Amino acid sequence: MIDQIGNDAGRIWNELELNGEMTTGALKKNLKISPFDLSVAIGWLAREDKVALSRNGNTIKLQLK
């Protein structure tokens, strides 16, 4: 499971590198990833201090640091 989380985190990082700031909804759609897997991978990236997160209502945006 840890390998999958790392792979998903890498996919998210690559997507943000290509497209800049994105919402979690856009990431989920573009990567075809489950909400759970997306959340866990974002947590991994946040813990590693690789992404900045911002929230506006129910919308969460991510960008690389």
C-alpha atoms as a PDB file:
ATOM      1  CA  MET A   1       0.000   0.000   0.000  1.00  0.00           C
ATOM      2  CA  ILE A   2       2.873   2.384   0.807  1.00  0.00           C
ATOM      3  CA  ASP A   3       4.245   1.942  -2.711  1.00  0.00           C
ATOM      4  CA  GLN A   4       0.869   2.858  -4.211  1.00  0.00           C
ATOM      5  CA  ILE A   5       0.641   5.996  -2.065  1.00  0.00           C
ATOM      6  CA  GLY A   6       4.114   7.029  -3.203  1.00  0.00           C
ATOM      7  CA  ASN A   7       3.192   6.383  -6.847  1.00  0.00           C
ATOM      8  CA  ASP A   8       0.001   8.423  -6.517  1.00  0.00           C
ATOM      9  CA  ALA A   9       1.919  11.242  -4.819  1.00  0.00           C
ATOM     10  CA  GLY A  10       4.357  11.244  -7.737  1.00  0.00           C
ATOM     11  CA  ARG A  11       1.532  11.415 -10.248  1.00  0.00           C
ATOM     12  CA  ILE A  12       0.000  14.366  -8.381  1.00  0.00           C
ATOM     13  CA  TRP A  13       3.365  16.135  -8.200  1.00  0.00           C
ATOM     14  CA  ASN A  14       3.875  15.658 -11.964  1.00  0.00           C
ATOM     15  CA  GLU A  15       0.381  16.950 -12.727  1.00  0.00           C
ATOM     16  CA  LEU A  16       0.954  20.059 -10.606  1.00  0.00           C
ATOM     17  CA  GLU A  17       4.353  20.612 -12.223  1.00  0.00           C
ATOM     18  CA  LEU A  18       2.737  20.546 -15.666  1.00  0.00           C
ATOM     19  CA  ASN A  19      -0.397  22.557 -14.891  1.00  0.00           C
ATOM     20  CA  GLY A  20       0.386  24.709 -11.859  1.00  0.00           C
ATOM     21  CA  GLU A  21      -2.224  25.219  -9.145  1.00  0.00           C
ATOM     22  CA  MET A  22      -5.161  22.811  -9.374  1.00  0.00           C
ATOM     23  CA  THR A  23      -8.223  21.882  -7.371  1.00  0.00           C
ATOM     24  CA  THR A  24      -8.598  18.449  -5.853  1.00  0.00           C
ATOM     25  CA  GLY A  25     -11.546  17.892  -8.171  1.00  0.00           C
ATOM     26  CA  ALA A  26      -9.435  18.588 -11.249  1.00  0.00           C
ATOM     27  CA  LEU A  27      -6.678  16.301  -9.984  1.00  0.00           C
ATOM     28  CA  LYS A  28      -9.185  13.518  -9.308  1.00  0.00           C
ATOM     29  CA  LYS A  29     -10.640  13.871 -12.792  1.00  0.00           C
ATOM     30  CA  ASN A  30      -7.331  14.175 -14.656  1.00  0.00           C
ATOM     31  CA  LEU A  31      -5.630  11.320 -12.823  1.00  0.00           C
ATOM     32  CA  LYS A  32      -8.715   9.091 -12.540  1.00  0.00           C
ATOM     33  CA  ILE A  33      -7.919   8.466  -8.882  1.00  0.00           C
ATOM     34  CA  SER A  34     -10.302   7.609  -6.054  1.00  0.00           C
ATOM     35  CA  PRO A  35     -11.061  10.285  -3.449  1.00  0.00           C
ATOM     36  CA  PHE A  36      -9.407   8.151  -0.745  1.00  0.00           C
ATOM     37  CA  ASP A  37      -6.212   7.580  -2.747  1.00  0.00           C
ATOM     38  CA  LEU A  38      -6.082  11.277  -3.662  1.00  0.00           C
ATOM     39  CA  SER A  39      -6.438  12.334  -0.042  1.00  0.00           C
ATOM     40  CA  VAL A  40      -3.789   9.949   1.216  1.00  0.00           C
ATOM     41  CA  ALA A  41      -1.312  11.000  -1.488  1.00  0.00           C
ATOM     42  CA  ILE A  42      -1.962  14.701  -0.802  1.00  0.00           C
ATOM     43  CA  GLY A  43      -1.300  14.016   2.875  1.00  0.00           C
ATOM     44  CA  TRP A  44       1.993  12.389   1.925  1.00  0.00           C
ATOM     45  CA  LEU A  45       3.004  15.432  -0.158  1.00  0.00           C
ATOM     46  CA  ALA A  46       1.902  17.840   2.567  1.00  0.00           C
ATOM     47  CA  ARG A  47       3.867  15.948   5.219  1.00  0.00           C
ATOM     48  CA  GLU A  48       6.936  16.068   2.976  1.00  0.00           C
ATOM     49  CA  ASP A  49       6.342  19.854   2.618  1.00  0.00           C
ATOM     50  CA  LYS A  50       6.096  19.529  -1.178  1.00  0.00           C
ATOM     51  CA  VAL A  51       2.730  21.257  -1.672  1.00  0.00           C
ATOM     52  CA  ALA A  52       0.881  24.294  -0.417  1.00  0.00           C
ATOM     53  CA  LEU A  53      -2.845  23.917   0.166  1.00  0.00           C
ATOM     54  CA  SER A  54      -5.492  26.614   0.261  1.00  0.00           C
ATOM     55  CA  ARG A  55      -9.191  26.354   0.966  1.00  0.00           C
ATOM     56  CA  ASN A  56     -12.076  28.502  -0.193  1.00  0.00           C
ATOM     57  CA  GLY A  57     -15.358  27.061   1.055  1.00  0.00           C
ATOM     58  CA  ASN A  58     -15.477  23.453  -0.133  1.00  0.00           C
ATOM     59  CA  THR A  59     -12.785  23.946  -2.766  1.00  0.00           C
ATOM     60  CA  ILE A  60      -9.222  22.909  -1.967  1.00  0.00           C
ATOM     61  CA  LYS A  61      -6.394  23.998  -4.247  1.00  0.00           C
ATOM     62  CA  LEU A  62      -2.858  22.660  -4.337  1.00  0.00           C
ATOM     63  CA  GLN A  63       0.341  24.014  -5.754  1.00  0.00           C
ATOM     64  CA  LEU A  64       3.952  22.957  -5.548  1.00  0.00           C
ATOM     65  CA  LYS A  65       6.202  24.766  -3.105  1.00  0.00           C
END
